[in-house]
N, C-alpha and C. Protein backbone atom coordinates (compact mmCIF):
# COMPACT_ATOMS: atom_id res chain seq x y z
N MET A 1 -49.75 36.46 77.58
CA MET A 1 -50.75 37.10 76.74
C MET A 1 -52.13 36.83 77.30
N LEU A 2 -52.95 37.82 77.34
CA LEU A 2 -54.29 37.72 77.88
C LEU A 2 -55.23 37.10 76.85
N LYS A 3 -55.92 36.04 77.25
CA LYS A 3 -56.90 35.41 76.37
C LYS A 3 -58.24 36.09 76.59
N LYS A 4 -59.11 36.01 75.58
CA LYS A 4 -60.40 36.70 75.66
C LYS A 4 -61.21 36.32 76.89
N ASN A 5 -61.21 35.05 77.26
CA ASN A 5 -62.03 34.60 78.38
C ASN A 5 -61.30 34.63 79.71
N ASP A 6 -60.04 35.03 79.71
CA ASP A 6 -59.23 35.03 80.93
C ASP A 6 -59.08 36.47 81.43
N VAL A 7 -60.03 36.91 82.25
CA VAL A 7 -60.02 38.29 82.73
C VAL A 7 -59.79 38.35 84.23
N ARG A 8 -59.09 37.37 84.76
CA ARG A 8 -58.78 37.38 86.18
C ARG A 8 -57.57 38.27 86.43
N LEU A 9 -57.76 39.28 87.23
CA LEU A 9 -56.69 40.21 87.56
C LEU A 9 -56.47 40.21 89.06
N THR A 10 -55.25 40.51 89.45
CA THR A 10 -54.97 40.68 90.87
C THR A 10 -55.60 42.00 91.32
N ALA A 11 -55.63 42.21 92.61
CA ALA A 11 -56.17 43.47 93.14
C ALA A 11 -55.34 44.65 92.65
N ASP A 12 -54.02 44.49 92.59
CA ASP A 12 -53.16 45.58 92.10
C ASP A 12 -53.40 45.85 90.62
N GLU A 13 -53.57 44.80 89.83
CA GLU A 13 -53.84 44.98 88.40
C GLU A 13 -55.19 45.64 88.18
N THR A 14 -56.18 45.26 88.97
CA THR A 14 -57.50 45.87 88.87
C THR A 14 -57.42 47.35 89.24
N ALA A 15 -56.66 47.68 90.27
CA ALA A 15 -56.50 49.09 90.67
C ALA A 15 -55.79 49.89 89.58
N ALA A 16 -54.77 49.29 88.95
CA ALA A 16 -54.05 49.97 87.86
C ALA A 16 -54.98 50.21 86.67
N LEU A 17 -55.81 49.23 86.36
CA LEU A 17 -56.78 49.39 85.27
C LEU A 17 -57.79 50.48 85.60
N ALA A 18 -58.26 50.52 86.83
CA ALA A 18 -59.21 51.55 87.26
C ALA A 18 -58.57 52.94 87.16
N ASP A 19 -57.29 53.05 87.54
CA ASP A 19 -56.58 54.33 87.43
C ASP A 19 -56.49 54.77 85.97
N LEU A 20 -56.18 53.83 85.11
CA LEU A 20 -56.07 54.13 83.68
C LEU A 20 -57.41 54.64 83.14
N LEU A 21 -58.49 53.96 83.49
CA LEU A 21 -59.82 54.38 83.02
C LEU A 21 -60.22 55.71 83.63
N ARG A 22 -59.84 55.96 84.89
CA ARG A 22 -60.14 57.24 85.54
C ARG A 22 -59.43 58.39 84.81
N VAL A 23 -58.18 58.17 84.46
CA VAL A 23 -57.42 59.20 83.75
C VAL A 23 -58.04 59.47 82.38
N LEU A 24 -58.44 58.43 81.68
CA LEU A 24 -59.05 58.61 80.37
C LEU A 24 -60.48 59.13 80.46
N GLY A 25 -61.08 59.08 81.66
CA GLY A 25 -62.46 59.50 81.85
C GLY A 25 -62.67 61.00 81.83
N ASP A 26 -61.61 61.77 81.85
CA ASP A 26 -61.72 63.22 81.80
C ASP A 26 -61.75 63.65 80.32
N ALA A 27 -62.75 64.45 79.93
CA ALA A 27 -62.93 64.83 78.53
C ALA A 27 -61.72 65.57 77.96
N SER A 28 -61.11 66.45 78.75
CA SER A 28 -59.94 67.18 78.25
C SER A 28 -58.76 66.23 78.02
N ARG A 29 -58.51 65.35 78.98
CA ARG A 29 -57.41 64.40 78.81
C ARG A 29 -57.66 63.47 77.64
N LEU A 30 -58.90 63.01 77.50
CA LEU A 30 -59.23 62.13 76.38
C LEU A 30 -59.03 62.86 75.06
N SER A 31 -59.42 64.12 74.98
CA SER A 31 -59.20 64.91 73.76
C SER A 31 -57.72 65.05 73.45
N ILE A 32 -56.92 65.22 74.47
CA ILE A 32 -55.46 65.34 74.29
C ILE A 32 -54.91 64.02 73.73
N VAL A 33 -55.31 62.92 74.30
CA VAL A 33 -54.83 61.61 73.82
C VAL A 33 -55.29 61.39 72.38
N LEU A 34 -56.54 61.70 72.09
CA LEU A 34 -57.03 61.53 70.71
C LEU A 34 -56.22 62.38 69.74
N GLY A 35 -55.80 63.56 70.18
CA GLY A 35 -54.97 64.41 69.34
C GLY A 35 -53.58 63.86 69.10
N CYS A 36 -53.16 62.95 69.96
CA CYS A 36 -51.83 62.35 69.86
C CYS A 36 -51.84 60.94 69.28
N LEU A 37 -52.99 60.46 68.87
CA LEU A 37 -53.08 59.06 68.45
C LEU A 37 -52.23 58.74 67.24
N ASP A 38 -52.31 59.57 66.22
CA ASP A 38 -51.66 59.22 64.96
C ASP A 38 -50.44 60.06 64.62
N ASP A 39 -50.31 61.23 65.24
CA ASP A 39 -49.18 62.11 64.97
C ASP A 39 -48.63 62.69 66.26
N GLU A 40 -47.34 62.98 66.27
CA GLU A 40 -46.76 63.69 67.41
C GLU A 40 -47.32 65.10 67.45
N GLN A 41 -47.54 65.58 68.67
CA GLN A 41 -48.08 66.92 68.86
C GLN A 41 -47.30 67.63 69.95
N SER A 42 -47.09 68.92 69.76
CA SER A 42 -46.47 69.73 70.80
C SER A 42 -47.56 70.22 71.75
N VAL A 43 -47.15 70.68 72.92
CA VAL A 43 -48.11 71.23 73.89
C VAL A 43 -48.86 72.39 73.26
N GLY A 44 -48.12 73.27 72.58
CA GLY A 44 -48.75 74.44 71.96
C GLY A 44 -49.79 74.06 70.91
N ALA A 45 -49.47 73.08 70.09
CA ALA A 45 -50.41 72.64 69.05
C ALA A 45 -51.65 72.01 69.68
N LEU A 46 -51.45 71.21 70.71
CA LEU A 46 -52.60 70.60 71.39
C LEU A 46 -53.47 71.67 72.03
N ALA A 47 -52.83 72.62 72.72
CA ALA A 47 -53.58 73.69 73.39
C ALA A 47 -54.39 74.50 72.39
N ALA A 48 -53.76 74.87 71.29
CA ALA A 48 -54.45 75.67 70.28
C ALA A 48 -55.60 74.88 69.65
N GLY A 49 -55.36 73.62 69.34
CA GLY A 49 -56.38 72.80 68.71
C GLY A 49 -57.57 72.51 69.60
N LEU A 50 -57.35 72.48 70.90
CA LEU A 50 -58.41 72.14 71.84
C LEU A 50 -59.01 73.36 72.55
N GLY A 51 -58.40 74.53 72.35
CA GLY A 51 -58.89 75.73 73.02
C GLY A 51 -58.60 75.72 74.51
N LEU A 52 -57.50 75.10 74.90
CA LEU A 52 -57.09 75.04 76.31
C LEU A 52 -55.80 75.82 76.49
N THR A 53 -55.48 76.17 77.73
CA THR A 53 -54.21 76.84 77.99
C THR A 53 -53.07 75.82 77.93
N GLN A 54 -51.88 76.31 77.62
CA GLN A 54 -50.72 75.43 77.58
C GLN A 54 -50.43 74.83 78.95
N SER A 55 -50.65 75.61 80.01
CA SER A 55 -50.37 75.08 81.35
C SER A 55 -51.33 73.95 81.70
N LEU A 56 -52.60 74.06 81.30
CA LEU A 56 -53.56 73.00 81.56
C LEU A 56 -53.22 71.75 80.76
N VAL A 57 -52.86 71.92 79.49
CA VAL A 57 -52.47 70.78 78.66
C VAL A 57 -51.23 70.12 79.24
N SER A 58 -50.25 70.90 79.68
CA SER A 58 -49.04 70.34 80.29
C SER A 58 -49.38 69.54 81.54
N HIS A 59 -50.28 70.07 82.35
CA HIS A 59 -50.71 69.36 83.56
C HIS A 59 -51.32 68.01 83.20
N HIS A 60 -52.22 67.99 82.24
CA HIS A 60 -52.85 66.75 81.81
C HIS A 60 -51.82 65.78 81.22
N LEU A 61 -50.89 66.31 80.44
CA LEU A 61 -49.87 65.45 79.83
C LEU A 61 -48.99 64.79 80.87
N ARG A 62 -48.70 65.49 81.97
CA ARG A 62 -47.91 64.88 83.05
C ARG A 62 -48.63 63.64 83.60
N LEU A 63 -49.92 63.77 83.80
CA LEU A 63 -50.72 62.65 84.30
C LEU A 63 -50.77 61.52 83.26
N LEU A 64 -50.95 61.88 82.01
CA LEU A 64 -51.02 60.88 80.94
C LEU A 64 -49.69 60.14 80.77
N ARG A 65 -48.59 60.86 80.94
CA ARG A 65 -47.27 60.20 80.89
C ARG A 65 -47.07 59.29 82.08
N ALA A 66 -47.48 59.74 83.25
CA ALA A 66 -47.29 58.95 84.48
C ALA A 66 -48.05 57.63 84.42
N THR A 67 -49.17 57.61 83.72
CA THR A 67 -49.96 56.38 83.60
C THR A 67 -49.60 55.58 82.35
N GLY A 68 -48.63 56.05 81.58
CA GLY A 68 -48.16 55.31 80.43
C GLY A 68 -49.07 55.39 79.22
N ILE A 69 -49.92 56.40 79.14
CA ILE A 69 -50.84 56.55 78.02
C ILE A 69 -50.19 57.28 76.86
N VAL A 70 -49.35 58.27 77.17
CA VAL A 70 -48.60 58.98 76.13
C VAL A 70 -47.12 58.91 76.46
N LYS A 71 -46.32 59.13 75.43
CA LYS A 71 -44.87 59.22 75.63
C LYS A 71 -44.39 60.52 75.00
N ALA A 72 -43.24 60.97 75.44
CA ALA A 72 -42.71 62.26 75.00
C ALA A 72 -41.37 62.08 74.31
N ARG A 73 -41.11 62.98 73.36
CA ARG A 73 -39.82 63.04 72.68
C ARG A 73 -39.40 64.51 72.65
N ARG A 74 -38.21 64.77 73.19
CA ARG A 74 -37.70 66.14 73.24
C ARG A 74 -36.87 66.42 72.00
N GLN A 75 -37.11 67.60 71.43
CA GLN A 75 -36.32 68.09 70.30
C GLN A 75 -35.96 69.53 70.62
N GLY A 76 -34.75 69.74 71.12
CA GLY A 76 -34.36 71.06 71.60
C GLY A 76 -35.19 71.42 72.81
N LYS A 77 -35.84 72.58 72.76
CA LYS A 77 -36.70 73.00 73.87
C LYS A 77 -38.13 72.49 73.71
N GLN A 78 -38.44 71.98 72.56
CA GLN A 78 -39.79 71.52 72.25
C GLN A 78 -39.97 70.05 72.65
N VAL A 79 -41.13 69.72 73.18
CA VAL A 79 -41.46 68.33 73.53
C VAL A 79 -42.66 67.92 72.71
N PHE A 80 -42.56 66.74 72.09
CA PHE A 80 -43.64 66.23 71.27
C PHE A 80 -44.21 64.97 71.93
N TYR A 81 -45.53 64.85 71.89
CA TYR A 81 -46.22 63.75 72.55
C TYR A 81 -46.96 62.90 71.53
N THR A 82 -47.02 61.61 71.82
CA THR A 82 -47.77 60.68 70.99
C THR A 82 -48.29 59.55 71.88
N ALA A 83 -49.24 58.79 71.37
CA ALA A 83 -49.75 57.64 72.12
C ALA A 83 -48.59 56.72 72.46
N ALA A 84 -48.60 56.16 73.65
CA ALA A 84 -47.46 55.40 74.15
C ALA A 84 -47.17 54.15 73.34
N ASP A 85 -48.20 53.47 72.87
CA ASP A 85 -47.96 52.23 72.13
C ASP A 85 -49.20 51.81 71.36
N VAL A 86 -49.09 50.69 70.68
CA VAL A 86 -50.19 50.19 69.85
C VAL A 86 -51.40 49.81 70.70
N HIS A 87 -51.19 49.44 71.96
CA HIS A 87 -52.32 49.08 72.82
C HIS A 87 -53.22 50.28 73.07
N VAL A 88 -52.62 51.42 73.36
CA VAL A 88 -53.40 52.64 73.59
C VAL A 88 -54.19 52.98 72.33
N ARG A 89 -53.53 52.92 71.18
CA ARG A 89 -54.21 53.21 69.92
C ARG A 89 -55.37 52.24 69.68
N SER A 90 -55.12 50.96 69.89
CA SER A 90 -56.15 49.94 69.65
C SER A 90 -57.35 50.13 70.56
N VAL A 91 -57.10 50.35 71.84
CA VAL A 91 -58.21 50.54 72.79
C VAL A 91 -59.05 51.74 72.38
N LEU A 92 -58.41 52.85 72.07
CA LEU A 92 -59.17 54.05 71.72
C LEU A 92 -59.88 53.90 70.38
N HIS A 93 -59.23 53.28 69.40
CA HIS A 93 -59.90 53.05 68.11
C HIS A 93 -61.11 52.14 68.30
N ASP A 94 -60.99 51.11 69.14
CA ASP A 94 -62.13 50.22 69.42
C ASP A 94 -63.25 50.96 70.13
N LEU A 95 -62.90 51.81 71.09
CA LEU A 95 -63.93 52.59 71.81
C LEU A 95 -64.63 53.57 70.86
N ILE A 96 -63.86 54.19 69.98
CA ILE A 96 -64.46 55.11 69.01
C ILE A 96 -65.42 54.35 68.10
N ALA A 97 -65.00 53.18 67.61
CA ALA A 97 -65.87 52.37 66.74
C ALA A 97 -67.15 51.99 67.49
N HIS A 98 -67.01 51.66 68.76
CA HIS A 98 -68.17 51.30 69.56
C HIS A 98 -69.15 52.47 69.69
N VAL A 99 -68.63 53.65 69.96
CA VAL A 99 -69.46 54.84 70.12
C VAL A 99 -70.15 55.20 68.81
N LEU A 100 -69.45 55.01 67.70
CA LEU A 100 -70.00 55.41 66.40
C LEU A 100 -70.92 54.39 65.76
N GLU A 101 -70.92 53.16 66.25
CA GLU A 101 -71.78 52.15 65.61
C GLU A 101 -73.24 52.42 65.95
N PRO A 102 -74.11 52.12 64.97
CA PRO A 102 -75.54 52.36 65.21
C PRO A 102 -76.05 51.50 66.36
N LYS A 103 -76.90 52.09 67.15
CA LYS A 103 -77.47 51.38 68.29
C LYS A 103 -78.90 50.98 67.93
N GLY A 104 -79.22 49.70 68.11
CA GLY A 104 -80.57 49.22 67.84
C GLY A 104 -81.53 49.64 68.93
N LEU A 105 -82.79 49.67 68.62
CA LEU A 105 -83.80 50.07 69.59
C LEU A 105 -84.16 48.93 70.55
N GLY A 106 -83.94 47.69 70.12
CA GLY A 106 -84.34 46.56 70.95
C GLY A 106 -83.41 46.30 72.11
N GLY A 107 -82.20 46.81 72.04
CA GLY A 107 -81.25 46.60 73.14
C GLY A 107 -80.78 45.16 73.24
N THR A 108 -80.60 44.49 72.12
CA THR A 108 -80.12 43.12 72.17
C THR A 108 -78.67 43.09 72.60
N ALA A 109 -78.35 42.11 73.40
CA ALA A 109 -77.01 42.04 73.96
C ALA A 109 -76.10 41.20 73.14
């Protein structure tokens, strides 16, 4: 288990973390993950909700699955996606809280 003050990573772990952040750094992919945080979503529902094509959403979902950010469940011909685990949910909820919190003018650290 990672302790708060223990942030020493190997070069491979640092590269994996950088890849994860790079994947989440795309606004469309981030919107897709946010759409999958609390409920399973189909490609069609995600595409319609985000105003993207199904092929583009599918492309992004392949990348998100490959990096372990989302997971898929097949039901017949339909595939439903959701956040891969509680860690993904926690990180994104924390980032959202950070973005939404009021920022002071003094810039205190």
